[in-house]
């Protein structure tokens, strides 16, 4: 044990002359504790919301999507080639287009996706998002009867649509007939409602059999793209790059992150800004440490003079105050980690904070406590705290021994 550490420990643990000095030390530790805990809790909650939103997006989309017209034989060869890649798990073709949905005198623009319910089940969790109706017989198209269509709950609610209602899709593509060029229209029957938990999907998407979509959008015998599910979602960028090289410029390949780039960028920016703002609280707490050490340097002025007269050099005096600041900082950081992790676990385990399910689609606050965030918070807090001890330590080490003994 060095002399500086031994003396610093005695100063902090020994009884102080005044109650005010002890209170300032407690405030210094408490300030760091609360600041660190606040930052850890905030990051855990924001990670939870980000993970929840990301999962909702993944559940409604493929990990990798290829956009481009594929004829029957070309599609068959592509699916076989992708199946040989061990990184991929399943594929599902689709037809995608824009249309106007009309019902009960109300209209709304929608993105219509034609799919096979059986194949789509293999690349995402869309089937589990069905809240009303059923996927049974979804792809069966009977002569003289409208094809099935599944709508997002938000979209259906805005248009006052319910199960078994008939709706009309109007395509922006015109069709030539006896009366001239007219918009192409097709009648569908609502057989299900979906609630993915992601508003953009629930308010704009409509799903119909792939054969009906092929006929409606003019893709007879062809599809508009192919969705791919990866065995490990982290391989999505690698797979997308390989497919771009294989397919050339005639096709567009995007990962789920590419299709939601603005959303994920906004979430990352929000987390960074919140972390930066809360770091200011830690900076404020470091001023308590600095003021406490400055007061201690005044209180121990005579002791400093005696130590200097006994041969202690300025480095020893600096070390005493650096060690004191170090112990205050470490105590506050460790208590902050325990408090922050404990509150995060409690909030994530028990529904102490209830959220309106009609707005957030969840009933309790999601929490995702990550070791990397805890480590980064502790590291930044420690550096800021130690920076605040530099000036008091240097100031104390420059005290003249004679002046310290005379005026101490």
Protein backbone atom coordinates (compact mmCIF):
# COMPACT_ATOMS: atom_id res chain seq x y z
CA UNK A 1 0.00 0.00 0.00
CA UNK A 2 1.50 3.35 -1.06
CA UNK A 3 1.72 6.25 1.37
CA UNK A 4 -0.65 8.33 -0.76
CA UNK A 5 -3.31 5.61 -0.79
CA UNK A 6 -2.95 4.95 2.96
CA UNK A 7 -3.38 8.62 3.88
CA UNK A 8 -6.25 9.12 1.44
CA UNK A 9 -8.06 6.11 2.90
CA UNK A 10 -7.58 7.46 6.45
CA UNK A 11 -8.90 10.88 5.44
CA UNK A 12 -12.08 9.42 3.95
CA UNK A 13 -12.82 6.83 6.63
CA UNK A 14 -11.72 8.75 9.72
CA UNK A 15 -14.13 11.03 11.53
CA UNK A 16 -14.17 14.51 10.07
CA UNK A 17 -14.14 17.66 12.15
CA UNK A 18 -17.36 19.04 10.76
CA UNK A 19 -20.65 17.48 9.69
CA UNK A 20 -20.62 19.63 6.57
CA UNK A 21 -17.44 17.99 5.30
CA UNK A 22 -18.97 14.55 5.69
CA UNK A 23 -22.16 15.64 3.94
CA UNK A 24 -20.21 16.95 0.93
CA UNK A 25 -18.49 13.57 0.57
CA UNK A 26 -21.82 11.74 0.73
CA UNK A 27 -23.29 14.16 -1.81
CA UNK A 28 -20.34 13.54 -4.12
CA UNK A 29 -20.83 9.78 -3.98
CA UNK A 30 -24.63 10.07 -4.26
CA UNK A 31 -24.37 12.40 -7.25
CA UNK A 32 -22.24 9.95 -9.20
CA UNK A 33 -24.46 7.04 -8.13
CA UNK A 34 -27.69 8.66 -9.31
CA UNK A 35 -26.14 9.92 -12.55
CA UNK A 36 -24.73 6.50 -13.48
CA UNK A 37 -27.98 4.74 -12.52
CA UNK A 38 -30.07 7.20 -14.55
CA UNK A 39 -27.92 6.67 -17.65
CA UNK A 40 -27.98 2.86 -17.32
CA UNK A 41 -31.77 2.78 -16.85
CA UNK A 42 -32.36 5.11 -19.80
CA UNK A 43 -30.11 3.10 -22.12
CA UNK A 44 -31.75 -0.17 -21.02
CA UNK A 45 -35.25 1.16 -21.72
CA UNK A 46 -34.25 2.68 -25.06
CA UNK A 47 -32.56 -0.58 -26.06
CA UNK A 48 -35.75 -2.39 -25.11
CA UNK A 49 -37.93 -0.18 -27.30
CA UNK A 50 -35.45 -0.38 -30.18
CA UNK A 51 -35.29 -4.18 -29.96
CA UNK A 52 -39.08 -4.37 -29.79
CA UNK A 53 -39.55 -2.16 -32.86
CA UNK A 54 -36.81 -4.02 -34.73
CA UNK A 55 -38.44 -7.37 -33.95
CA UNK A 56 -41.83 -6.13 -35.18
CA UNK A 57 -40.22 -5.06 -38.45
CA UNK A 58 -38.43 -8.39 -38.86
CA UNK A 59 -41.61 -10.34 -38.07
CA UNK A 60 -43.41 -8.66 -40.97
CA UNK A 61 -40.59 -8.69 -43.54
CA UNK A 62 -38.01 -11.00 -45.03
CA UNK A 63 -34.38 -10.71 -43.95
CA UNK A 64 -33.31 -10.17 -47.57
CA UNK A 65 -35.61 -9.17 -50.43
CA UNK A 66 -34.93 -9.31 -54.17
CA UNK A 67 -37.00 -6.91 -56.30
CA UNK A 68 -37.38 -7.59 -60.01
CA UNK A 69 -39.61 -9.46 -62.43
CA UNK A 70 -38.93 -13.21 -62.55
CA UNK A 71 -40.65 -15.60 -64.92
CA UNK A 72 -41.58 -19.10 -63.80
CA UNK A 73 -38.46 -20.97 -64.96
CA UNK A 74 -36.11 -18.16 -63.91
CA UNK A 75 -37.70 -18.04 -60.47
CA UNK A 76 -37.39 -21.82 -60.06
CA UNK A 77 -33.67 -21.73 -60.90
CA UNK A 78 -33.03 -18.80 -58.55
CA UNK A 79 -34.79 -20.48 -55.62
CA UNK A 80 -32.81 -23.68 -56.19
CA UNK A 81 -29.54 -21.77 -56.30
CA UNK A 82 -30.36 -19.85 -53.10
CA UNK A 83 -31.38 -23.09 -51.36
CA UNK A 84 -27.86 -24.43 -51.94
CA UNK A 85 -26.47 -21.62 -49.79
CA UNK A 86 -26.16 -22.84 -46.21
CA UNK A 87 -26.75 -19.33 -44.87
CA UNK A 88 -30.34 -19.28 -46.15
CA UNK A 89 -33.29 -21.08 -44.59
CA UNK A 90 -36.35 -20.41 -46.78
CA UNK A 91 -37.61 -18.34 -49.72
CA UNK A 92 -41.02 -17.04 -50.78
CA UNK A 93 -41.99 -15.26 -54.03
CA UNK A 94 -44.36 -12.30 -54.00
CA UNK A 95 -46.09 -9.71 -56.16
CA UNK A 96 -46.08 -6.13 -54.91
CA UNK A 97 -47.93 -3.09 -56.20
CA UNK A 98 -49.75 0.11 -55.29
CA UNK A 99 -53.54 0.38 -55.43
CA UNK A 100 -56.52 2.28 -54.08
CA UNK A 101 -58.74 0.41 -51.64
CA UNK A 102 -62.43 1.37 -51.71
CA UNK A 103 -65.12 0.34 -49.23
CA UNK A 104 -68.28 1.95 -47.82
CA UNK A 105 -67.63 5.08 -49.85
CA UNK A 106 -64.17 5.54 -48.32
CA UNK A 107 -60.83 5.15 -50.05
CA UNK A 108 -57.21 4.76 -49.04
CA UNK A 109 -53.94 4.16 -50.82
CA UNK A 110 -52.45 0.76 -49.98
CA UNK A 111 -49.47 -1.41 -50.79
CA UNK A 112 -50.82 -4.74 -52.00
CA UNK A 113 -48.65 -7.81 -51.54
CA UNK A 114 -49.59 -11.04 -53.24
CA UNK A 115 -48.19 -14.05 -51.44
CA UNK A 116 -48.47 -17.74 -50.72
CA UNK A 117 -49.58 -18.17 -47.11
CA UNK A 118 -47.65 -21.44 -46.82
CA UNK A 119 -44.36 -20.08 -48.18
CA UNK A 120 -44.65 -16.71 -46.45
CA UNK A 121 -44.92 -18.51 -43.13
CA UNK A 122 -41.39 -19.79 -43.65
CA UNK A 123 -39.71 -16.37 -44.00
CA UNK A 124 -41.48 -14.23 -41.37
CA UNK A 125 -44.01 -14.30 -38.53
CA UNK A 126 -46.85 -12.63 -40.40
CA UNK A 127 -49.13 -15.61 -39.76
CA UNK A 128 -48.83 -15.07 -35.99
CA UNK A 129 -49.96 -11.44 -36.35
CA UNK A 130 -53.45 -12.42 -37.49
CA UNK A 131 -55.90 -11.20 -34.83
CA UNK A 132 -59.21 -11.94 -36.59
CA UNK A 133 -60.08 -14.44 -39.31
CA UNK A 134 -57.93 -17.25 -40.62
CA UNK A 135 -55.28 -18.09 -43.21
CA UNK A 136 -57.11 -21.30 -44.11
CA UNK A 137 -58.07 -21.43 -47.79
CA UNK A 138 -56.39 -18.04 -48.27
CA UNK A 139 -54.85 -19.02 -51.61
CA UNK A 140 -57.93 -20.81 -52.94
CA UNK A 141 -59.67 -18.84 -55.68
CA UNK A 142 -63.11 -20.10 -56.69
CA UNK A 143 -64.82 -19.16 -59.93
CA UNK A 144 -67.41 -16.45 -59.49
CA UNK A 145 -66.29 -15.58 -55.95
CA UNK A 146 -63.97 -12.74 -54.89
CA UNK A 147 -60.46 -13.66 -53.77
CA UNK A 148 -59.41 -13.32 -50.13
CA UNK A 149 -57.67 -10.25 -48.76
CA UNK A 150 -56.13 -9.63 -45.35
CA UNK A 151 -55.85 -6.04 -44.10
CA UNK A 152 -53.95 -4.30 -41.33
CA UNK A 153 -56.14 -3.48 -38.33
CA UNK A 154 -55.42 0.25 -38.52
CA UNK A 155 -56.34 0.35 -42.20
CA UNK A 156 -59.52 -1.65 -41.62
CA UNK A 157 -60.50 0.57 -38.69
CA UNK A 158 -60.00 3.77 -40.68
CA UNK A 159 -62.27 2.47 -43.45
CA UNK A 160 -64.81 0.79 -41.11
CA UNK A 161 -64.08 -2.64 -42.61
CA UNK A 162 -64.74 -5.94 -40.86
CA UNK A 163 -64.53 -9.64 -41.69
CA UNK A 164 -66.53 -10.85 -44.72
CA UNK A 165 -66.88 -7.31 -46.07
CA UNK A 166 -66.25 -6.90 -49.78
CA UNK A 167 -63.74 -4.29 -50.91
CA UNK A 168 -62.60 -3.09 -54.31
CA UNK A 169 -59.00 -2.54 -55.37
CA UNK A 170 -58.42 0.05 -58.07
CA UNK A 171 -55.13 -0.17 -59.93
CA UNK A 172 -53.40 2.95 -61.28
CA UNK A 173 -52.68 0.85 -64.38
CA UNK A 174 -55.38 1.34 -66.97
CA UNK A 175 -57.10 -1.43 -68.90
CA UNK A 176 -58.58 -1.14 -72.37
CA UNK A 177 -62.23 -2.13 -72.74
CA UNK A 178 -65.35 -1.54 -74.82
CA UNK A 179 -65.84 1.85 -73.13
CA UNK A 180 -62.24 2.88 -73.74
CA UNK A 181 -59.34 3.01 -71.31
CA UNK A 182 -60.58 2.50 -67.74
CA UNK A 183 -58.89 1.90 -64.39
CA UNK A 184 -58.49 -1.77 -63.57
CA UNK A 185 -60.69 -2.87 -60.66
CA UNK A 186 -61.05 -6.14 -58.78
CA UNK A 187 -63.31 -7.22 -55.92
CA UNK A 188 -61.94 -8.98 -52.81
CA UNK A 189 -63.44 -10.42 -49.63
CA UNK A 190 -61.88 -9.59 -46.26
CA UNK A 191 -60.95 -12.85 -44.53
CA UNK A 192 -58.54 -11.61 -41.88
CA UNK A 193 -57.13 -8.65 -39.98
CA UNK A 194 -53.47 -8.27 -39.00
CA UNK A 195 -51.86 -6.40 -36.12
CA UNK A 196 -48.08 -6.49 -36.39
CA UNK A 197 -47.57 -3.71 -33.84
CA UNK A 198 -45.79 -1.53 -36.40
CA UNK A 199 -48.09 1.29 -37.48
CA UNK A 200 -46.69 1.73 -41.00
CA UNK A 201 -47.53 -1.89 -41.84
CA UNK A 202 -50.89 -2.00 -40.11
CA UNK A 203 -52.07 1.19 -41.80
CA UNK A 204 -50.85 0.65 -45.37
CA UNK A 205 -50.52 -3.07 -46.16
CA UNK A 206 -53.02 -5.43 -47.76
CA UNK A 207 -52.30 -9.12 -48.49
CA UNK A 208 -53.97 -11.22 -51.15
CA UNK A 209 -53.28 -14.55 -52.94
CA UNK A 210 -50.28 -14.33 -55.25
CA UNK A 211 -52.34 -15.56 -58.22
CA UNK A 212 -54.89 -12.76 -57.74
CA UNK A 213 -52.11 -10.20 -57.47
CA UNK A 214 -50.44 -11.53 -60.63
CA UNK A 215 -53.67 -11.04 -62.56
CA UNK A 216 -54.43 -7.65 -61.02
CA UNK A 217 -50.99 -6.12 -61.61
CA UNK A 218 -50.31 -7.83 -64.93
CA UNK A 219 -47.68 -10.31 -63.71
CA UNK A 220 -49.27 -13.35 -65.34
CA UNK A 221 -46.85 -16.25 -64.98
CA UNK A 222 -44.28 -14.08 -63.18
CA UNK A 223 -43.57 -12.53 -59.80
CA UNK A 224 -42.25 -9.15 -58.64
CA UNK A 225 -39.64 -10.43 -56.22
CA UNK A 226 -38.39 -13.02 -53.77
CA UNK A 227 -38.13 -12.88 -49.97
CA UNK A 228 -35.33 -14.78 -48.19
CA UNK A 229 -34.97 -15.81 -44.56
CA UNK A 230 -31.45 -16.30 -43.18
CA UNK A 231 -30.47 -18.90 -40.61
CA UNK A 232 -28.60 -16.10 -38.83
CA UNK A 233 -29.99 -12.62 -39.40
CA UNK A 234 -26.49 -11.15 -39.05
CA UNK A 235 -25.57 -12.78 -42.37
CA UNK A 236 -28.13 -10.63 -44.23
CA UNK A 237 -25.65 -7.98 -45.48
CA UNK A 238 -23.24 -10.66 -46.73
CA UNK A 239 -26.00 -12.55 -48.53
CA UNK A 240 -27.33 -9.33 -50.08
CA UNK A 241 -23.88 -8.44 -51.40
CA UNK A 242 -23.44 -11.91 -52.93
CA UNK A 243 -26.85 -11.73 -54.60
CA UNK A 244 -26.16 -8.28 -56.04
CA UNK A 245 -22.98 -9.61 -57.62
CA UNK A 246 -24.75 -12.69 -58.95
CA UNK A 247 -27.88 -10.97 -60.32
CA UNK A 248 -26.24 -7.86 -61.72
CA UNK A 249 -27.79 -4.42 -62.08
CA UNK A 250 -31.11 -5.67 -63.40
CA UNK A 251 -32.30 -6.59 -59.88
CA UNK A 252 -32.48 -4.69 -56.60
CA UNK A 253 -31.45 -6.55 -53.42
CA UNK A 254 -32.19 -5.05 -50.01
CA UNK A 255 -31.89 -6.22 -46.43
CA UNK A 256 -34.51 -5.42 -43.80
CA UNK A 257 -32.16 -2.68 -42.55
CA UNK A 258 -31.96 -1.12 -46.02
CA UNK A 259 -35.76 -1.01 -46.24
CA UNK A 260 -36.03 0.66 -42.82
CA UNK A 261 -32.87 2.73 -42.93
CA UNK A 262 -34.52 5.99 -41.81
CA UNK A 263 -36.25 4.30 -38.87
CA UNK A 264 -33.11 2.60 -37.55
CA UNK A 265 -31.03 5.75 -38.11
CA UNK A 266 -33.55 7.78 -36.10
CA UNK A 267 -33.46 5.24 -33.26
CA UNK A 268 -29.66 5.28 -33.15
CA UNK A 269 -29.60 9.08 -33.19
CA UNK A 270 -32.18 9.22 -30.39
CA UNK A 271 -30.10 6.89 -28.24
CA UNK A 272 -26.93 8.91 -28.86
CA UNK A 273 -28.59 12.24 -28.03
CA UNK A 274 -30.17 10.88 -24.84
CA UNK A 275 -26.84 9.42 -23.75
CA UNK A 276 -25.12 12.74 -24.41
CA UNK A 277 -27.73 14.68 -22.43
CA UNK A 278 -27.58 12.31 -19.47
CA UNK A 279 -23.78 12.42 -19.52
CA UNK A 280 -24.14 16.06 -18.51
CA UNK A 281 -25.66 14.83 -15.24
CA UNK A 282 -22.46 12.88 -14.61
CA UNK A 283 -20.46 16.00 -15.44
CA UNK A 284 -22.46 17.94 -12.85
CA UNK A 285 -21.77 15.21 -10.29
CA UNK A 286 -18.04 15.56 -10.90
CA UNK A 287 -18.20 19.19 -9.74
CA UNK A 288 -19.33 17.87 -6.36
CA UNK A 289 -16.18 15.75 -6.21
CA UNK A 290 -13.99 18.70 -7.20
CA UNK A 291 -15.58 20.99 -4.60
CA UNK A 292 -15.27 18.30 -1.92
CA UNK A 293 -11.54 17.87 -2.62
CA UNK A 294 -10.98 21.62 -2.62
CA UNK A 295 -12.65 21.87 0.76
CA UNK A 296 -10.58 18.97 2.03
CA UNK A 297 -7.39 20.66 0.84
CA UNK A 298 -8.30 23.70 2.96
CA UNK A 299 -9.30 21.56 5.94
CA UNK A 300 -6.07 19.52 5.79
CA UNK A 301 -3.80 22.47 5.08
CA UNK A 302 -1.78 21.95 8.30
CA UNK A 303 -1.47 18.22 7.57
CA UNK A 304 -0.15 19.00 4.11
CA UNK A 305 2.46 21.33 5.61
CA UNK A 306 3.58 18.68 8.11
CA UNK A 307 3.86 16.05 5.38
CA UNK A 308 5.89 18.40 3.19
CA UNK A 309 8.21 19.27 6.10
CA UNK A 310 8.73 15.54 6.75
CA UNK A 311 10.01 15.11 3.20
CA UNK A 312 6.88 14.30 1.23
CA UNK A 313 7.29 15.66 -2.29
CA UNK A 314 4.45 17.27 -4.33
CA UNK A 315 3.80 13.95 -6.11
CA UNK A 316 2.78 12.35 -2.79
CA UNK A 317 0.37 15.19 -2.03
CA UNK A 318 -1.11 14.96 -5.52
CA UNK A 319 -1.44 11.21 -5.09
CA UNK A 320 -3.43 11.64 -1.86
CA UNK A 321 -6.08 13.78 -3.51
CA UNK A 322 -6.14 11.71 -6.68
CA UNK A 323 -6.71 8.59 -4.59
CA UNK A 324 -9.50 10.31 -2.66
CA UNK A 325 -11.24 11.32 -5.88
CA UNK A 326 -10.66 7.82 -7.24
CA UNK A 327 -12.30 6.17 -4.23
CA UNK A 328 -15.28 8.54 -4.32
CA UNK A 329 -15.72 7.94 -8.05
CA UNK A 330 -15.41 4.15 -7.85
CA UNK A 331 -17.82 3.96 -4.92
CA UNK A 332 -20.38 6.08 -6.74
CA UNK A 333 -19.98 4.18 -10.03
CA UNK A 334 -20.29 0.74 -8.41
CA UNK A 335 -23.36 1.80 -6.42
CA UNK A 336 -24.80 3.37 -9.59
CA UNK A 337 -24.32 0.17 -11.58
CA UNK A 338 -26.02 -1.88 -8.87
CA UNK A 339 -28.89 0.60 -8.55
CA UNK A 340 -29.34 1.05 -12.30
CA UNK A 341 -29.18 -2.67 -13.09
CA UNK A 342 -31.52 -3.46 -10.19
CA UNK A 343 -34.16 -0.93 -11.22
CA UNK A 344 -33.89 -2.00 -14.88
CA UNK A 345 -34.42 -5.64 -13.93
CA UNK A 346 -37.35 -4.76 -11.67
CA UNK A 347 -39.08 -2.60 -14.31
CA UNK A 348 -38.52 -5.23 -17.00
CA UNK A 349 -39.75 -8.11 -14.81
CA UNK A 350 -42.75 -6.57 -13.06
CA UNK A 351 -45.41 -4.36 -14.74
CA UNK A 352 -44.83 -1.41 -12.42
CA UNK A 353 -45.29 0.99 -15.36
CA UNK A 354 -48.30 0.12 -17.52
CA UNK A 355 -48.46 1.40 -21.08
CA UNK A 356 -51.67 1.86 -23.14
CA UNK A 357 -51.73 -1.16 -25.43
CA UNK A 358 -53.71 0.65 -28.13
CA UNK A 359 -50.80 3.09 -28.60
CA UNK A 360 -47.66 1.05 -27.88
CA UNK A 361 -49.03 -2.49 -28.51
CA UNK A 362 -47.27 -3.56 -25.31
CA UNK A 363 -48.42 -3.39 -21.71
CA UNK A 364 -45.10 -2.96 -19.88
CA UNK A 365 -41.87 -1.10 -20.51
CA UNK A 366 -39.42 -3.25 -22.53
CA UNK A 367 -35.94 -3.42 -21.02
CA UNK A 368 -32.76 -4.65 -22.69
CA UNK A 369 -29.80 -4.31 -20.30
CA UNK A 370 -26.51 -4.73 -22.15
CA UNK A 371 -23.05 -5.23 -20.66
CA UNK A 372 -21.50 -2.98 -23.33
CA UNK A 373 -23.68 -0.04 -22.21
CA UNK A 374 -22.83 -0.64 -18.54
CA UNK A 375 -19.11 -0.81 -19.32
CA UNK A 376 -19.18 2.32 -21.49
CA UNK A 377 -21.17 4.25 -18.87
CA UNK A 378 -18.73 3.22 -16.13
CA UNK A 379 -15.70 4.09 -18.25
CA UNK A 380 -16.97 7.55 -19.25
CA UNK A 381 -18.08 8.28 -15.69
CA UNK A 382 -14.69 7.27 -14.30
CA UNK A 383 -12.78 9.43 -16.78
CA UNK A 384 -14.95 12.48 -16.03
CA UNK A 385 -14.63 11.97 -12.29
CA UNK A 386 -10.87 11.57 -12.44
CA UNK A 387 -10.58 14.68 -14.62
CA UNK A 388 -12.35 16.65 -11.91
CA UNK A 389 -9.69 15.66 -9.33
CA UNK A 390 -6.73 16.98 -11.31
CA UNK A 391 -7.05 20.67 -10.37
CA UNK A 392 -7.62 20.12 -6.59
CA UNK A 393 -4.67 17.69 -6.50
CA UNK A 394 -2.32 20.09 -8.30
CA UNK A 395 -3.47 23.01 -6.15
CA UNK A 396 -2.84 21.09 -2.93
CA UNK A 397 0.62 19.94 -4.07
CA UNK A 398 1.74 23.53 -4.71
CA UNK A 399 1.11 24.69 -1.12
CA UNK A 400 4.25 26.02 0.57
CA UNK A 401 5.16 23.95 3.70
CA UNK A 402 5.84 27.07 5.80
CA UNK A 403 2.60 28.77 4.77
CA UNK A 404 0.65 25.56 5.38
CA UNK A 405 1.98 25.21 8.94
CA UNK A 406 1.63 28.91 9.71
CA UNK A 407 -1.89 29.42 8.34
CA UNK A 408 -3.25 25.90 8.62
